[in-house]
């Protein structure tokens, strides 16, 4: 009889420990922020009529180029083609949300170092500047930098003045910047200390408004 009494006690303990473990698992769940819930600013850079020669004649469509960003750290360029202008803009916004990149910002809302990038016949140079300078750039480069959250920067365009290629060249430059900062942290302890002092930390910043 004594052995029968002890069995349910041990069984009850197992149940209690199981519930405790499940409680820990539930507590470790992270809040996943979806792109649909984030608020982005959209700027239409270009709407162009595109004609395609087909067997029956010419087919007319519209191409929209939209730059999307949250003015904090994320930015992207989207392209959309459709028979209607509004549909083309909606497609471009969805494409821009899929191709978002993170921009490394310093404490002065600038970039950490000089960077150059080429896209097609367009080449661009981005140079950091002190606080109070503003965004010195033109065309689609200016809109990309403003929507990325950069407030003090010097930019220069070389070669072609194509709106889409210049926007893509700036995004390519910003991605190269991000890669160099991450590599610099692992290359030497001096660079790691340097970037930790300069760079802006986004651990406690809310992504949603």
C-alpha atoms as a PDB file:
ATOM      1  CA  UNK A   1       0.000   0.000   0.000  1.00  0.00           C
ATOM      2  CA  UNK A   2       2.845   2.375   0.749  1.00  0.00           C
ATOM      3  CA  UNK A   3       4.285   1.915  -2.743  1.00  0.00           C
ATOM      4  CA  UNK A   4       0.878   2.732  -4.269  1.00  0.00           C
ATOM      5  CA  UNK A   5       0.668   5.965  -2.280  1.00  0.00           C
ATOM      6  CA  UNK A   6       4.100   7.146  -3.392  1.00  0.00           C
ATOM      7  CA  UNK A   7       3.427   6.637  -7.132  1.00  0.00           C
ATOM      8  CA  UNK A   8       0.771   9.348  -7.571  1.00  0.00           C
ATOM      9  CA  UNK A   9       2.928  11.820  -5.618  1.00  0.00           C
ATOM     10  CA  UNK A  10       5.863  11.351  -8.032  1.00  0.00           C
ATOM     11  CA  UNK A  11       3.492  11.514 -11.004  1.00  0.00           C
ATOM     12  CA  UNK A  12       2.051  14.805  -9.718  1.00  0.00           C
ATOM     13  CA  UNK A  13       5.544  16.287  -9.409  1.00  0.00           C
ATOM     14  CA  UNK A  14       6.296  15.421 -13.018  1.00  0.00           C
ATOM     15  CA  UNK A  15       3.178  17.241 -14.107  1.00  0.00           C
ATOM     16  CA  UNK A  16       4.153  20.337 -12.144  1.00  0.00           C
ATOM     17  CA  UNK A  17       7.651  20.447 -13.641  1.00  0.00           C
ATOM     18  CA  UNK A  18       6.194  20.018 -17.125  1.00  0.00           C
ATOM     19  CA  UNK A  19       3.865  22.971 -16.670  1.00  0.00           C
ATOM     20  CA  UNK A  20       6.767  25.080 -15.354  1.00  0.00           C
ATOM     21  CA  UNK A  21       8.850  24.330 -18.449  1.00  0.00           C
ATOM     22  CA  UNK A  22       5.988  25.160 -20.788  1.00  0.00           C
ATOM     23  CA  UNK A  23       5.542  28.459 -18.949  1.00  0.00           C
ATOM     24  CA  UNK A  24       9.194  29.337 -19.650  1.00  0.00           C
ATOM     25  CA  UNK A  25       8.768  28.562 -23.324  1.00  0.00           C
ATOM     26  CA  UNK A  26       5.768  30.843 -23.551  1.00  0.00           C
ATOM     27  CA  UNK A  27       7.671  33.618 -21.784  1.00  0.00           C
ATOM     28  CA  UNK A  28      10.537  33.496 -24.325  1.00  0.00           C
ATOM     29  CA  UNK A  29       8.304  34.364 -27.310  1.00  0.00           C
ATOM     30  CA  UNK A  30       9.520  37.441 -29.209  1.00  0.00           C
ATOM     31  CA  UNK A  31       7.257  40.072 -30.728  1.00  0.00           C
ATOM     32  CA  UNK A  32       7.732  39.811 -34.506  1.00  0.00           C
ATOM     33  CA  UNK A  33       7.230  43.161 -36.275  1.00  0.00           C
ATOM     34  CA  UNK A  34       5.744  42.691 -39.738  1.00  0.00           C
ATOM     35  CA  UNK A  35       6.414  45.005 -42.684  1.00  0.00           C
ATOM     36  CA  UNK A  36       2.673  45.587 -43.194  1.00  0.00           C
ATOM     37  CA  UNK A  37       2.414  47.135 -39.698  1.00  0.00           C
ATOM     38  CA  UNK A  38       5.408  49.457 -40.108  1.00  0.00           C
ATOM     39  CA  UNK A  39       4.673  52.965 -41.358  1.00  0.00           C
ATOM     40  CA  UNK A  40       6.738  54.079 -44.334  1.00  0.00           C
ATOM     41  CA  UNK A  41       6.926  57.324 -46.269  1.00  0.00           C
ATOM     42  CA  UNK A  42       6.558  57.002 -50.034  1.00  0.00           C
ATOM     43  CA  UNK A  43       7.832  59.397 -52.701  1.00  0.00           C
ATOM     44  CA  UNK A  44       7.054  58.905 -56.381  1.00  0.00           C
ATOM     45  CA  UNK A  45      10.196  59.806 -58.313  1.00  0.00           C
ATOM     46  CA  UNK A  46       9.184  58.954 -61.864  1.00  0.00           C
ATOM     47  CA  UNK A  47       6.160  57.834 -63.892  1.00  0.00           C
ATOM     48  CA  UNK A  48       7.029  56.934 -67.456  1.00  0.00           C
ATOM     49  CA  UNK A  49       5.043  55.751 -70.478  1.00  0.00           C
ATOM     50  CA  UNK A  50       6.562  52.616 -71.981  1.00  0.00           C
ATOM     51  CA  UNK A  51       5.562  51.344 -75.425  1.00  0.00           C
ATOM     52  CA  UNK A  52       6.245  47.799 -76.532  1.00  0.00           C
ATOM     53  CA  UNK A  53       5.978  46.782 -80.192  1.00  0.00           C
ATOM     54  CA  UNK A  54       3.958  43.566 -80.538  1.00  0.00           C
ATOM     55  CA  UNK A  55       2.474  41.656 -83.477  1.00  0.00           C
ATOM     56  CA  UNK A  56      -0.826  43.605 -83.471  1.00  0.00           C
ATOM     57  CA  UNK A  57       0.806  47.018 -83.036  1.00  0.00           C
ATOM     58  CA  UNK A  58       2.043  48.916 -79.972  1.00  0.00           C
ATOM     59  CA  UNK A  59       1.198  48.117 -76.346  1.00  0.00           C
ATOM     60  CA  UNK A  60       1.227  51.059 -73.918  1.00  0.00           C
ATOM     61  CA  UNK A  61       2.124  50.527 -70.228  1.00  0.00           C
ATOM     62  CA  UNK A  62       3.245  52.724 -67.321  1.00  0.00           C
ATOM     63  CA  UNK A  63       6.382  52.341 -65.213  1.00  0.00           C
ATOM     64  CA  UNK A  64       6.542  53.883 -61.736  1.00  0.00           C
ATOM     65  CA  UNK A  65       9.683  54.361 -59.629  1.00  0.00           C
ATOM     66  CA  UNK A  66       8.952  54.834 -55.900  1.00  0.00           C
ATOM     67  CA  UNK A  67      11.411  55.396 -53.042  1.00  0.00           C
ATOM     68  CA  UNK A  68      10.199  54.118 -49.660  1.00  0.00           C
ATOM     69  CA  UNK A  69      11.663  54.630 -46.179  1.00  0.00           C
ATOM     70  CA  UNK A  70      10.885  55.147 -42.479  1.00  0.00           C
ATOM     71  CA  UNK A  71      13.243  58.197 -41.998  1.00  0.00           C
ATOM     72  CA  UNK A  72      15.062  56.258 -39.249  1.00  0.00           C
ATOM     73  CA  UNK A  73      17.235  53.590 -40.796  1.00  0.00           C
ATOM     74  CA  UNK A  74      15.417  51.670 -43.544  1.00  0.00           C
ATOM     75  CA  UNK A  75      15.144  52.639 -47.215  1.00  0.00           C
ATOM     76  CA  UNK A  76      14.421  50.936 -50.538  1.00  0.00           C
ATOM     77  CA  UNK A  77      13.695  51.576 -54.233  1.00  0.00           C
ATOM     78  CA  UNK A  78      10.778  49.877 -55.983  1.00  0.00           C
ATOM     79  CA  UNK A  79       9.768  49.562 -59.640  1.00  0.00           C
ATOM     80  CA  UNK A  80       6.274  48.670 -60.876  1.00  0.00           C
ATOM     81  CA  UNK A  81       4.801  48.212 -64.349  1.00  0.00           C
ATOM     82  CA  UNK A  82       1.093  48.037 -65.177  1.00  0.00           C
ATOM     83  CA  UNK A  83      -1.571  49.214 -67.645  1.00  0.00           C
ATOM     84  CA  UNK A  84      -2.878  51.711 -65.061  1.00  0.00           C
ATOM     85  CA  UNK A  85      -0.813  54.351 -63.188  1.00  0.00           C
ATOM     86  CA  UNK A  86      -2.279  53.538 -59.753  1.00  0.00           C
ATOM     87  CA  UNK A  87      -1.608  49.825 -60.177  1.00  0.00           C
ATOM     88  CA  UNK A  88       1.975  50.562 -61.216  1.00  0.00           C
ATOM     89  CA  UNK A  89       2.496  52.701 -58.062  1.00  0.00           C
ATOM     90  CA  UNK A  90       1.049  49.957 -55.811  1.00  0.00           C
ATOM     91  CA  UNK A  91       3.349  47.377 -57.402  1.00  0.00           C
ATOM     92  CA  UNK A  92       6.344  49.689 -56.952  1.00  0.00           C
ATOM     93  CA  UNK A  93       5.536  50.182 -53.227  1.00  0.00           C
ATOM     94  CA  UNK A  94       5.334  46.396 -52.684  1.00  0.00           C
ATOM     95  CA  UNK A  95       8.611  45.900 -54.566  1.00  0.00           C
ATOM     96  CA  UNK A  96      10.277  48.617 -52.458  1.00  0.00           C
ATOM     97  CA  UNK A  97       9.155  46.974 -49.194  1.00  0.00           C
ATOM     98  CA  UNK A  98      10.728  43.688 -50.307  1.00  0.00           C
ATOM     99  CA  UNK A  99      14.088  45.324 -51.079  1.00  0.00           C
ATOM    100  CA  UNK A 100      14.644  47.378 -47.893  1.00  0.00           C
ATOM    101  CA  UNK A 101      18.167  47.899 -46.537  1.00  0.00           C
ATOM    102  CA  UNK A 102      19.526  49.057 -43.149  1.00  0.00           C
ATOM    103  CA  UNK A 103      21.659  52.209 -43.176  1.00  0.00           C
ATOM    104  CA  UNK A 104      24.387  52.706 -40.524  1.00  0.00           C
ATOM    105  CA  UNK A 105      23.999  56.167 -38.953  1.00  0.00           C
ATOM    106  CA  UNK A 106      26.417  58.045 -36.698  1.00  0.00           C
ATOM    107  CA  UNK A 107      25.525  60.155 -33.663  1.00  0.00           C
ATOM    108  CA  UNK A 108      25.440  63.241 -35.943  1.00  0.00           C
ATOM    109  CA  UNK A 109      22.930  61.522 -38.303  1.00  0.00           C
ATOM    110  CA  UNK A 110      25.604  61.089 -40.961  1.00  0.00           C
ATOM    111  CA  UNK A 111      27.565  58.196 -42.492  1.00  0.00           C
ATOM    112  CA  UNK A 112      30.774  56.860 -40.866  1.00  0.00           C
ATOM    113  CA  UNK A 113      33.157  57.249 -43.840  1.00  0.00           C
ATOM    114  CA  UNK A 114      33.475  58.147 -47.545  1.00  0.00           C
ATOM    115  CA  UNK A 115      32.043  55.645 -50.015  1.00  0.00           C
ATOM    116  CA  UNK A 116      31.868  55.384 -53.817  1.00  0.00           C
ATOM    117  CA  UNK A 117      29.612  53.178 -55.959  1.00  0.00           C
ATOM    118  CA  UNK A 118      28.835  52.604 -59.642  1.00  0.00           C
ATOM    119  CA  UNK A 119      25.595  51.390 -61.199  1.00  0.00           C
ATOM    120  CA  UNK A 120      25.449  51.272 -64.992  1.00  0.00           C
ATOM    121  CA  UNK A 121      26.765  54.596 -66.330  1.00  0.00           C
ATOM    122  CA  UNK A 122      26.036  56.352 -63.001  1.00  0.00           C
ATOM    123  CA  UNK A 123      28.668  56.774 -60.312  1.00  0.00           C
ATOM    124  CA  UNK A 124      28.139  58.429 -56.939  1.00  0.00           C
ATOM    125  CA  UNK A 125      30.275  59.570 -54.023  1.00  0.00           C
ATOM    126  CA  UNK A 126      28.946  60.044 -50.459  1.00  0.00           C
ATOM    127  CA  UNK A 127      30.951  62.009 -47.906  1.00  0.00           C
ATOM    128  CA  UNK A 128      30.132  62.505 -44.180  1.00  0.00           C
ATOM    129  CA  UNK A 129      29.736  66.045 -42.803  1.00  0.00           C
ATOM    130  CA  UNK A 130      29.320  67.837 -39.459  1.00  0.00           C
ATOM    131  CA  UNK A 131      25.965  68.613 -37.841  1.00  0.00           C
ATOM    132  CA  UNK A 132      24.097  71.564 -39.340  1.00  0.00           C
ATOM    133  CA  UNK A 133      25.277  70.935 -42.916  1.00  0.00           C
ATOM    134  CA  UNK A 134      22.066  69.356 -44.171  1.00  0.00           C
ATOM    135  CA  UNK A 135      21.583  67.048 -47.160  1.00  0.00           C
ATOM    136  CA  UNK A 136      23.613  68.498 -50.020  1.00  0.00           C
ATOM    137  CA  UNK A 137      22.490  66.364 -52.956  1.00  0.00           C
ATOM    138  CA  UNK A 138      20.141  66.561 -55.902  1.00  0.00           C
ATOM    139  CA  UNK A 139      17.528  64.513 -57.745  1.00  0.00           C
ATOM    140  CA  UNK A 140      16.673  60.990 -56.653  1.00  0.00           C
ATOM    141  CA  UNK A 141      19.843  60.805 -54.495  1.00  0.00           C
ATOM    142  CA  UNK A 142      18.442  63.455 -52.162  1.00  0.00           C
ATOM    143  CA  UNK A 143      15.125  61.646 -51.679  1.00  0.00           C
ATOM    144  CA  UNK A 144      16.886  58.341 -50.911  1.00  0.00           C
ATOM    145  CA  UNK A 145      19.158  59.952 -48.316  1.00  0.00           C
ATOM    146  CA  UNK A 146      16.321  61.890 -46.652  1.00  0.00           C
ATOM    147  CA  UNK A 147      14.055  58.829 -46.388  1.00  0.00           C
ATOM    148  CA  UNK A 148      16.987  56.842 -44.933  1.00  0.00           C
ATOM    149  CA  UNK A 149      17.141  59.313 -42.017  1.00  0.00           C
ATOM    150  CA  UNK A 150      20.470  60.962 -42.963  1.00  0.00           C
ATOM    151  CA  UNK A 151      20.484  64.663 -42.062  1.00  0.00           C
ATOM    152  CA  UNK A 152      24.113  65.738 -42.684  1.00  0.00           C
ATOM    153  CA  UNK A 153      25.841  64.500 -45.833  1.00  0.00           C
ATOM    154  CA  UNK A 154      27.611  65.626 -49.012  1.00  0.00           C
ATOM    155  CA  UNK A 155      26.814  63.725 -52.243  1.00  0.00           C
ATOM    156  CA  UNK A 156      28.093  64.105 -55.788  1.00  0.00           C
ATOM    157  CA  UNK A 157      26.812  62.494 -59.006  1.00  0.00           C
ATOM    158  CA  UNK A 158      29.110  61.582 -61.897  1.00  0.00           C
ATOM    159  CA  UNK A 159      28.278  60.315 -65.379  1.00  0.00           C
ATOM    160  CA  UNK A 160      24.669  59.744 -66.402  1.00  0.00           C
ATOM    161  CA  UNK A 161      21.757  61.651 -64.821  1.00  0.00           C
ATOM    162  CA  UNK A 162      19.278  58.742 -65.082  1.00  0.00           C
ATOM    163  CA  UNK A 163      16.846  58.933 -62.123  1.00  0.00           C
ATOM    164  CA  UNK A 164      16.464  55.183 -61.539  1.00  0.00           C
ATOM    165  CA  UNK A 165      20.162  54.346 -61.917  1.00  0.00           C
ATOM    166  CA  UNK A 166      21.200  57.160 -59.568  1.00  0.00           C
ATOM    167  CA  UNK A 167      18.738  55.929 -56.919  1.00  0.00           C
ATOM    168  CA  UNK A 168      20.060  52.372 -57.265  1.00  0.00           C
ATOM    169  CA  UNK A 169      23.662  53.632 -57.103  1.00  0.00           C
ATOM    170  CA  UNK A 170      22.974  55.387 -53.767  1.00  0.00           C
ATOM    171  CA  UNK A 171      21.420  52.226 -52.303  1.00  0.00           C
ATOM    172  CA  UNK A 172      24.412  50.214 -53.511  1.00  0.00           C
ATOM    173  CA  UNK A 173      26.725  52.757 -51.818  1.00  0.00           C
ATOM    174  CA  UNK A 174      24.768  52.511 -48.549  1.00  0.00           C
ATOM    175  CA  UNK A 175      24.956  48.690 -48.601  1.00  0.00           C
ATOM    176  CA  UNK A 176      28.729  48.846 -49.172  1.00  0.00           C
ATOM    177  CA  UNK A 177      28.928  51.234 -46.222  1.00  0.00           C
ATOM    178  CA  UNK A 178      27.088  48.763 -44.012  1.00  0.00           C
ATOM    179  CA  UNK A 179      29.376  45.898 -45.059  1.00  0.00           C
ATOM    180  CA  UNK A 180      32.540  47.912 -44.373  1.00  0.00           C
ATOM    181  CA  UNK A 181      31.346  48.886 -40.890  1.00  0.00           C
ATOM    182  CA  UNK A 182      30.554  45.257 -40.008  1.00  0.00           C
ATOM    183  CA  UNK A 183      33.883  44.040 -41.399  1.00  0.00           C
ATOM    184  CA  UNK A 184      35.779  46.812 -39.595  1.00  0.00           C
ATOM    185  CA  UNK A 185      34.384  45.675 -36.247  1.00  0.00           C
ATOM    186  CA  UNK A 186      35.812  42.176 -36.728  1.00  0.00           C
ATOM    187  CA  UNK A 187      39.145  43.204 -38.294  1.00  0.00           C
ATOM    188  CA  UNK A 188      40.682  44.946 -35.276  1.00  0.00           C
ATOM    189  CA  UNK A 189      39.814  45.961 -31.711  1.00  0.00           C
ATOM    190  CA  UNK A 190      40.704  49.625 -32.477  1.00  0.00           C
ATOM    191  CA  UNK A 191      38.094  49.814 -35.220  1.00  0.00           C
ATOM    192  CA  UNK A 192      35.551  48.109 -33.006  1.00  0.00           C
ATOM    193  CA  UNK A 193      36.063  50.729 -30.260  1.00  0.00           C
ATOM    194  CA  UNK A 194      35.986  53.516 -32.886  1.00  0.00           C
ATOM    195  CA  UNK A 195      32.670  52.385 -34.414  1.00  0.00           C
ATOM    196  CA  UNK A 196      31.119  51.748 -30.999  1.00  0.00           C
ATOM    197  CA  UNK A 197      31.846  55.379 -30.039  1.00  0.00           C
ATOM    198  CA  UNK A 198      30.669  56.887 -33.335  1.00  0.00           C
ATOM    199  CA  UNK A 199      27.677  54.746 -34.350  1.00  0.00           C
ATOM    200  CA  UNK A 200      24.112  55.332 -33.192  1.00  0.00           C
ATOM    201  CA  UNK A 201      22.566  52.386 -31.337  1.00  0.00           C
ATOM    202  CA  UNK A 202      18.976  51.411 -32.168  1.00  0.00           C
ATOM    203  CA  UNK A 203      18.199  48.883 -29.418  1.00  0.00           C
ATOM    204  CA  UNK A 204      15.653  51.077 -27.590  1.00  0.00           C
ATOM    205  CA  UNK A 205      14.290  53.009 -30.589  1.00  0.00           C
ATOM    206  CA  UNK A 206      10.735  52.175 -31.648  1.00  0.00           C
ATOM    207  CA  UNK A 207      10.354  51.272 -35.310  1.00  0.00           C
ATOM    208  CA  UNK A 208       6.658  52.139 -35.389  1.00  0.00           C
ATOM    209  CA  UNK A 209       5.160  55.586 -34.849  1.00  0.00           C
END
